[in-house]
Amino acid sequence: MMGLERSMISLKMKLKRSSMKIIKKETYDKIEKSESMRVEIRNMKARKLNDKTLKIADSPKTRSYPF
């Protein structure tokens, strides 16, 4: 019985290894960002930060102090 279990385990391991070799991630060429793309990314980050700040400022839990 032990020999059969060992052979089943080794067979499963071999199948796993062979299936791992078949599945490969596709490689993509990295696109260089143009200046307009960089500006757009900066604008998106700034918009997200503004939205987050406004959401915190408008929430009733936070207190705003006039300066």
PDB file of N, CA and C in Angstrom:
ATOM      1  N   MET A   1       0.820  -1.194   0.000  1.00  0.00           N
ATOM      2  CA  MET A   1       0.000   0.000   0.000  1.00  0.00           C
ATOM      3  C   MET A   1       0.868   1.262   0.000  1.00  0.00           C
ATOM      4  N   MET A   2       1.966   1.249   0.752  1.00  0.00           N
ATOM      5  CA  MET A   2       2.827   2.426   0.840  1.00  0.00           C
ATOM      6  C   MET A   2       3.481   2.729  -0.506  1.00  0.00           C
ATOM      7  N   GLY A   3       3.859   1.704  -1.245  1.00  0.00           N
ATOM      8  CA  GLY A   3       4.487   1.907  -2.550  1.00  0.00           C
ATOM      9  C   GLY A   3       3.524   2.566  -3.524  1.00  0.00           C
ATOM     10  N   LEU A   4       2.256   2.192  -3.461  1.00  0.00           N
ATOM     11  CA  LEU A   4       1.245   2.761  -4.340  1.00  0.00           C
ATOM     12  C   LEU A   4       1.016   4.243  -4.010  1.00  0.00           C
ATOM     13  N   GLU A   5       0.988   4.554  -2.715  1.00  0.00           N
ATOM     14  CA  GLU A   5       0.800   5.948  -2.306  1.00  0.00           C
ATOM     15  C   GLU A   5       1.975   6.810  -2.758  1.00  0.00           C
ATOM     16  N   ARG A   6       3.189   6.296  -2.597  1.00  0.00           N
ATOM     17  CA  ARG A   6       4.374   7.038  -3.015  1.00  0.00           C
ATOM     18  C   ARG A   6       4.377   7.280  -4.516  1.00  0.00           C
ATOM     19  N   SER A   7       4.011   6.246  -5.262  1.00  0.00           N
ATOM     20  CA  SER A   7       3.998   6.408  -6.714  1.00  0.00           C
ATOM     21  C   SER A   7       2.917   7.400  -7.152  1.00  0.00           C
ATOM     22  N   MET A   8       1.779   7.423  -6.451  1.00  0.00           N
ATOM     23  CA  MET A   8       0.722   8.384  -6.773  1.00  0.00           C
ATOM     24  C   MET A   8       1.196   9.809  -6.474  1.00  0.00           C
ATOM     25  N   ILE A   9       1.882   9.980  -5.341  1.00  0.00           N
ATOM     26  CA  ILE A   9       2.384  11.305  -4.976  1.00  0.00           C
ATOM     27  C   ILE A   9       3.415  11.767  -5.996  1.00  0.00           C
ATOM     28  N   SER A  10       4.340  10.880  -6.378  1.00  0.00           N
ATOM     29  CA  SER A  10       5.365  11.274  -7.349  1.00  0.00           C
ATOM     30  C   SER A  10       4.730  11.569  -8.709  1.00  0.00           C
ATOM     31  N   LEU A  11       3.706  10.841  -9.083  1.00  0.00           N
ATOM     32  CA  LEU A  11       3.013  11.084 -10.342  1.00  0.00           C
ATOM     33  C   LEU A  11       2.323  12.458 -10.314  1.00  0.00           C
ATOM     34  N   LYS A  12       1.689  12.761  -9.188  1.00  0.00           N
ATOM     35  CA  LYS A  12       1.031  14.069  -9.049  1.00  0.00           C
ATOM     36  C   LYS A  12       2.047  15.196  -9.139  1.00  0.00           C
ATOM     37  N   MET A  13       3.202  15.015  -8.501  1.00  0.00           N
ATOM     38  CA  MET A  13       4.238  16.041  -8.535  1.00  0.00           C
ATOM     39  C   MET A  13       4.734  16.261  -9.967  1.00  0.00           C
ATOM     40  N   LYS A  14       4.926  15.168 -10.712  1.00  0.00           N
ATOM     41  CA  LYS A  14       5.388  15.287 -12.094  1.00  0.00           C
ATOM     42  C   LYS A  14       4.344  16.003 -12.949  1.00  0.00           C
ATOM     43  N   LEU A  15       3.086  15.696 -12.727  1.00  0.00           N
ATOM     44  CA  LEU A  15       2.031  16.357 -13.489  1.00  0.00           C
ATOM     45  C   LEU A  15       1.979  17.851 -13.174  1.00  0.00           C
ATOM     46  N   LYS A  16       2.159  18.198 -11.912  1.00  0.00           N
ATOM     47  CA  LYS A  16       2.158  19.609 -11.531  1.00  0.00           C
ATOM     48  C   LYS A  16       3.299  20.346 -12.212  1.00  0.00           C
ATOM     49  N   ARG A  17       4.482  19.744 -12.186  1.00  0.00           N
ATOM     50  CA  ARG A  17       5.644  20.381 -12.807  1.00  0.00           C
ATOM     51  C   ARG A  17       5.450  20.563 -14.296  1.00  0.00           C
ATOM     52  N   SER A  18       4.915  19.549 -14.957  1.00  0.00           N
ATOM     53  CA  SER A  18       4.734  19.652 -16.404  1.00  0.00           C
ATOM     54  C   SER A  18       3.656  20.675 -16.748  1.00  0.00           C
ATOM     55  N   SER A  19       2.612  20.761 -15.930  1.00  0.00           N
ATOM     56  CA  SER A  19       1.570  21.756 -16.210  1.00  0.00           C
ATOM     57  C   SER A  19       2.087  23.160 -15.946  1.00  0.00           C
ATOM     58  N   MET A  20       2.994  23.310 -14.990  1.00  0.00           N
ATOM     59  CA  MET A  20       3.567  24.620 -14.712  1.00  0.00           C
ATOM     60  C   MET A  20       4.434  25.081 -15.886  1.00  0.00           C
ATOM     61  N   LYS A  21       5.092  24.161 -16.556  1.00  0.00           N
ATOM     62  CA  LYS A  21       5.930  24.516 -17.689  1.00  0.00           C
ATOM     63  C   LYS A  21       5.080  24.972 -18.870  1.00  0.00           C
ATOM     64  N   ILE A  22       3.902  24.422 -19.003  1.00  0.00           N
ATOM     65  CA  ILE A  22       3.032  24.767 -20.130  1.00  0.00           C
ATOM     66  C   ILE A  22       2.482  26.181 -19.970  1.00  0.00           C
ATOM     67  N   ILE A  23       2.067  26.523 -18.761  1.00  0.00           N
ATOM     68  CA  ILE A  23       1.469  27.825 -18.509  1.00  0.00           C
ATOM     69  C   ILE A  23       2.584  28.845 -18.305  1.00  0.00           C
ATOM     70  N   LYS A  24       2.729  29.749 -19.251  1.00  0.00           N
ATOM     71  CA  LYS A  24       3.731  30.805 -19.147  1.00  0.00           C
ATOM     72  C   LYS A  24       3.025  32.135 -19.280  1.00  0.00           C
ATOM     73  N   LYS A  25       3.505  33.107 -18.549  1.00  0.00           N
ATOM     74  CA  LYS A  25       2.941  34.441 -18.663  1.00  0.00           C
ATOM     75  C   LYS A  25       3.374  35.046 -19.989  1.00  0.00           C
ATOM     76  N   GLU A  26       2.445  35.771 -20.588  1.00  0.00           N
ATOM     77  CA  GLU A  26       2.785  36.461 -21.819  1.00  0.00           C
ATOM     78  C   GLU A  26       3.615  37.684 -21.466  1.00  0.00           C
ATOM     79  N   THR A  27       4.623  37.922 -22.241  1.00  0.00           N
ATOM     80  CA  THR A  27       5.455  39.080 -21.987  1.00  0.00           C
ATOM     81  C   THR A  27       4.989  40.225 -22.874  1.00  0.00           C
ATOM     82  N   TYR A  28       4.965  41.397 -22.319  1.00  0.00           N
ATOM     83  CA  TYR A  28       4.543  42.577 -23.047  1.00  0.00           C
ATOM     84  C   TYR A  28       5.703  43.547 -23.133  1.00  0.00           C
ATOM     85  N   ASP A  29       5.759  44.269 -24.236  1.00  0.00           N
ATOM     86  CA  ASP A  29       6.771  45.303 -24.373  1.00  0.00           C
ATOM     87  C   ASP A  29       6.375  46.489 -23.513  1.00  0.00           C
ATOM     88  N   LYS A  30       7.329  47.021 -22.809  1.00  0.00           N
ATOM     89  CA  LYS A  30       7.054  48.165 -21.947  1.00  0.00           C
ATOM     90  C   LYS A  30       6.999  49.426 -22.807  1.00  0.00           C
ATOM     91  N   ILE A  31       5.914  50.175 -22.642  1.00  0.00           N
ATOM     92  CA  ILE A  31       5.728  51.387 -23.413  1.00  0.00           C
ATOM     93  C   ILE A  31       6.344  52.554 -22.643  1.00  0.00           C
ATOM     94  N   GLU A  32       7.137  53.331 -23.334  1.00  0.00           N
ATOM     95  CA  GLU A  32       7.704  54.505 -22.694  1.00  0.00           C
ATOM     96  C   GLU A  32       6.638  55.587 -22.621  1.00  0.00           C
ATOM     97  N   LYS A  33       6.582  56.254 -21.493  1.00  0.00           N
ATOM     98  CA  LYS A  33       5.561  57.279 -21.289  1.00  0.00           C
ATOM     99  C   LYS A  33       5.986  58.584 -21.942  1.00  0.00           C
ATOM    100  N   SER A  34       5.050  59.178 -22.663  1.00  0.00           N
ATOM    101  CA  SER A  34       5.319  60.478 -23.252  1.00  0.00           C
ATOM    102  C   SER A  34       5.054  61.547 -22.200  1.00  0.00           C
ATOM    103  N   GLU A  35       5.424  62.750 -22.519  1.00  0.00           N
ATOM    104  CA  GLU A  35       5.243  63.852 -21.567  1.00  0.00           C
ATOM    105  C   GLU A  35       3.765  64.083 -21.284  1.00  0.00           C
ATOM    106  N   SER A  36       2.928  63.957 -22.300  1.00  0.00           N
ATOM    107  CA  SER A  36       1.489  64.167 -22.087  1.00  0.00           C
ATOM    108  C   SER A  36       0.906  63.079 -21.190  1.00  0.00           C
ATOM    109  N   MET A  37       1.407  61.848 -21.318  1.00  0.00           N
ATOM    110  CA  MET A  37       0.942  60.767 -20.448  1.00  0.00           C
ATOM    111  C   MET A  37       1.343  61.047 -19.002  1.00  0.00           C
ATOM    112  N   ARG A  38       2.548  61.556 -18.807  1.00  0.00           N
ATOM    113  CA  ARG A  38       3.010  61.869 -17.451  1.00  0.00           C
ATOM    114  C   ARG A  38       2.184  62.983 -16.835  1.00  0.00           C
ATOM    115  N   VAL A  39       1.846  63.980 -17.633  1.00  0.00           N
ATOM    116  CA  VAL A  39       1.012  65.076 -17.141  1.00  0.00           C
ATOM    117  C   VAL A  39      -0.360  64.539 -16.762  1.00  0.00           C
ATOM    118  N   GLU A  40      -0.914  63.675 -17.598  1.00  0.00           N
ATOM    119  CA  GLU A  40      -2.233  63.093 -17.324  1.00  0.00           C
ATOM    120  C   GLU A  40      -2.215  62.268 -16.035  1.00  0.00           C
ATOM    121  N   ILE A  41      -1.163  61.505 -15.827  1.00  0.00           N
ATOM    122  CA  ILE A  41      -1.042  60.697 -14.603  1.00  0.00           C
ATOM    123  C   ILE A  41      -0.950  61.608 -13.387  1.00  0.00           C
ATOM    124  N   ARG A  42      -0.163  62.690 -13.486  1.00  0.00           N
ATOM    125  CA  ARG A  42      -0.060  63.642 -12.382  1.00  0.00           C
ATOM    126  C   ARG A  42      -1.415  64.283 -12.089  1.00  0.00           C
ATOM    127  N   ASN A  43      -2.157  64.614 -13.146  1.00  0.00           N
ATOM    128  CA  ASN A  43      -3.476  65.218 -12.958  1.00  0.00           C
ATOM    129  C   ASN A  43      -4.436  64.241 -12.275  1.00  0.00           C
ATOM    130  N   MET A  44      -4.391  62.973 -12.671  1.00  0.00           N
ATOM    131  CA  MET A  44      -5.269  61.978 -12.043  1.00  0.00           C
ATOM    132  C   MET A  44      -4.938  61.830 -10.567  1.00  0.00           C
ATOM    133  N   LYS A  45      -3.644  61.784 -10.239  1.00  0.00           N
ATOM    134  CA  LYS A  45      -3.244  61.662  -8.839  1.00  0.00           C
ATOM    135  C   LYS A  45      -3.683  62.877  -8.034  1.00  0.00           C
ATOM    136  N   ALA A  46      -3.557  64.065  -8.629  1.00  0.00           N
ATOM    137  CA  ALA A  46      -3.971  65.289  -7.942  1.00  0.00           C
ATOM    138  C   ALA A  46      -5.479  65.295  -7.728  1.00  0.00           C
ATOM    139  N   ARG A  47      -6.239  64.845  -8.741  1.00  0.00           N
ATOM    140  CA  ARG A  47      -7.695  64.781  -8.602  1.00  0.00           C
ATOM    141  C   ARG A  47      -8.103  63.827  -7.496  1.00  0.00           C
ATOM    142  N   LYS A  48      -7.444  62.677  -7.445  1.00  0.00           N
ATOM    143  CA  LYS A  48      -7.750  61.699  -6.392  1.00  0.00           C
ATOM    144  C   LYS A  48      -7.460  62.281  -5.011  1.00  0.00           C
ATOM    145  N   LEU A  49      -6.330  62.970  -4.887  1.00  0.00           N
ATOM    146  CA  LEU A  49      -5.972  63.583  -3.614  1.00  0.00           C
ATOM    147  C   LEU A  49      -6.980  64.660  -3.231  1.00  0.00           C
ATOM    148  N   ASN A  50      -7.393  65.471  -4.203  1.00  0.00           N
ATOM    149  CA  ASN A  50      -8.396  66.505  -3.933  1.00  0.00           C
ATOM    150  C   ASN A  50      -9.715  65.882  -3.493  1.00  0.00           C
ATOM    151  N   ASP A  51     -10.150  64.849  -4.183  1.00  0.00           N
ATOM    152  CA  ASP A  51     -11.404  64.181  -3.825  1.00  0.00           C
ATOM    153  C   ASP A  51     -11.335  63.609  -2.419  1.00  0.00           C
ATOM    154  N   LYS A  52     -10.209  62.997  -2.105  1.00  0.00           N
ATOM    155  CA  LYS A  52     -10.034  62.411  -0.774  1.00  0.00           C
ATOM    156  C   LYS A  52     -10.051  63.498   0.304  1.00  0.00           C
ATOM    157  N   THR A  53      -9.359  64.609   0.033  1.00  0.00           N
ATOM    158  CA  THR A  53      -9.304  65.708   0.990  1.00  0.00           C
ATOM    159  C   THR A  53     -10.681  66.325   1.194  1.00  0.00           C
ATOM    160  N   LEU A  54     -11.404  66.546   0.096  1.00  0.00           N
ATOM    161  CA  LEU A  54     -12.742  67.124   0.198  1.00  0.00           C
ATOM    162  C   LEU A  54     -13.702  66.197   0.922  1.00  0.00           C
ATOM    163  N   LYS A  55     -13.557  64.912   0.691  1.00  0.00           N
ATOM    164  CA  LYS A  55     -14.420  63.940   1.366  1.00  0.00           C
ATOM    165  C   LYS A  55     -14.196  63.993   2.878  1.00  0.00           C
ATOM    166  N   ILE A  56     -12.937  64.082   3.288  1.00  0.00           N
ATOM    167  CA  ILE A  56     -12.615  64.176   4.716  1.00  0.00           C
ATOM    168  C   ILE A  56     -13.114  65.501   5.284  1.00  0.00           C
ATOM    169  N   ALA A  57     -12.921  66.582   4.536  1.00  0.00           N
ATOM    170  CA  ALA A  57     -13.322  67.899   5.020  1.00  0.00           C
ATOM    171  C   ALA A  57     -14.835  68.024   5.135  1.00  0.00           C
ATOM    172  N   ASP A  58     -15.579  67.375   4.252  1.00  0.00           N
ATOM    173  CA  ASP A  58     -17.037  67.471   4.259  1.00  0.00           C
ATOM    174  C   ASP A  58     -17.707  66.510   5.224  1.00  0.00           C
ATOM    175  N   SER A  59     -16.948  65.570   5.770  1.00  0.00           N
ATOM    176  CA  SER A  59     -17.574  64.597   6.653  1.00  0.00           C
ATOM    177  C   SER A  59     -17.934  65.260   7.985  1.00  0.00           C
ATOM    178  N   PRO A  60     -19.057  64.867   8.594  1.00  0.00           N
ATOM    179  CA  PRO A  60     -19.482  65.499   9.838  1.00  0.00           C
ATOM    180  C   PRO A  60     -18.602  65.141  11.038  1.00  0.00           C
ATOM    181  N   LYS A  61     -17.799  64.136  10.921  1.00  0.00           N
ATOM    182  CA  LYS A  61     -16.952  63.702  12.033  1.00  0.00           C
ATOM    183  C   LYS A  61     -15.750  64.599  12.246  1.00  0.00           C
ATOM    184  N   THR A  62     -15.308  65.255  11.167  1.00  0.00           N
ATOM    185  CA  THR A  62     -14.103  66.081  11.296  1.00  0.00           C
ATOM    186  C   THR A  62     -14.500  67.514  11.594  1.00  0.00           C
ATOM    187  N   ARG A  63     -13.675  68.157  12.351  1.00  0.00           N
ATOM    188  CA  ARG A  63     -13.891  69.561  12.679  1.00  0.00           C
ATOM    189  C   ARG A  63     -12.930  70.400  11.846  1.00  0.00           C
ATOM    190  N   SER A  64     -13.451  71.462  11.294  1.00  0.00           N
ATOM    191  CA  SER A  64     -12.563  72.351  10.548  1.00  0.00           C
ATOM    192  C   SER A  64     -12.401  73.630  11.352  1.00  0.00           C
ATOM    193  N   TYR A  65     -11.201  74.087  11.450  1.00  0.00           N
ATOM    194  CA  TYR A  65     -10.890  75.277  12.210  1.00  0.00           C
ATOM    195  C   TYR A  65     -10.565  76.415  11.240  1.00  0.00           C
ATOM    196  N   PRO A  66     -11.208  77.568  11.405  1.00  0.00           N
ATOM    197  CA  PRO A  66     -10.858  78.711  10.526  1.00  0.00           C
ATOM    198  C   PRO A  66      -9.508  79.279  10.929  1.00  0.00           C
ATOM    199  N   PHE A  67      -8.711  79.596   9.946  1.00  0.00           N
ATOM    200  CA  PHE A  67      -7.376  80.137  10.207  1.00  0.00           C
ATOM    201  C   PHE A  67      -7.387  81.619  10.031  1.00  0.00           C
TER     202      PHE A  67
END
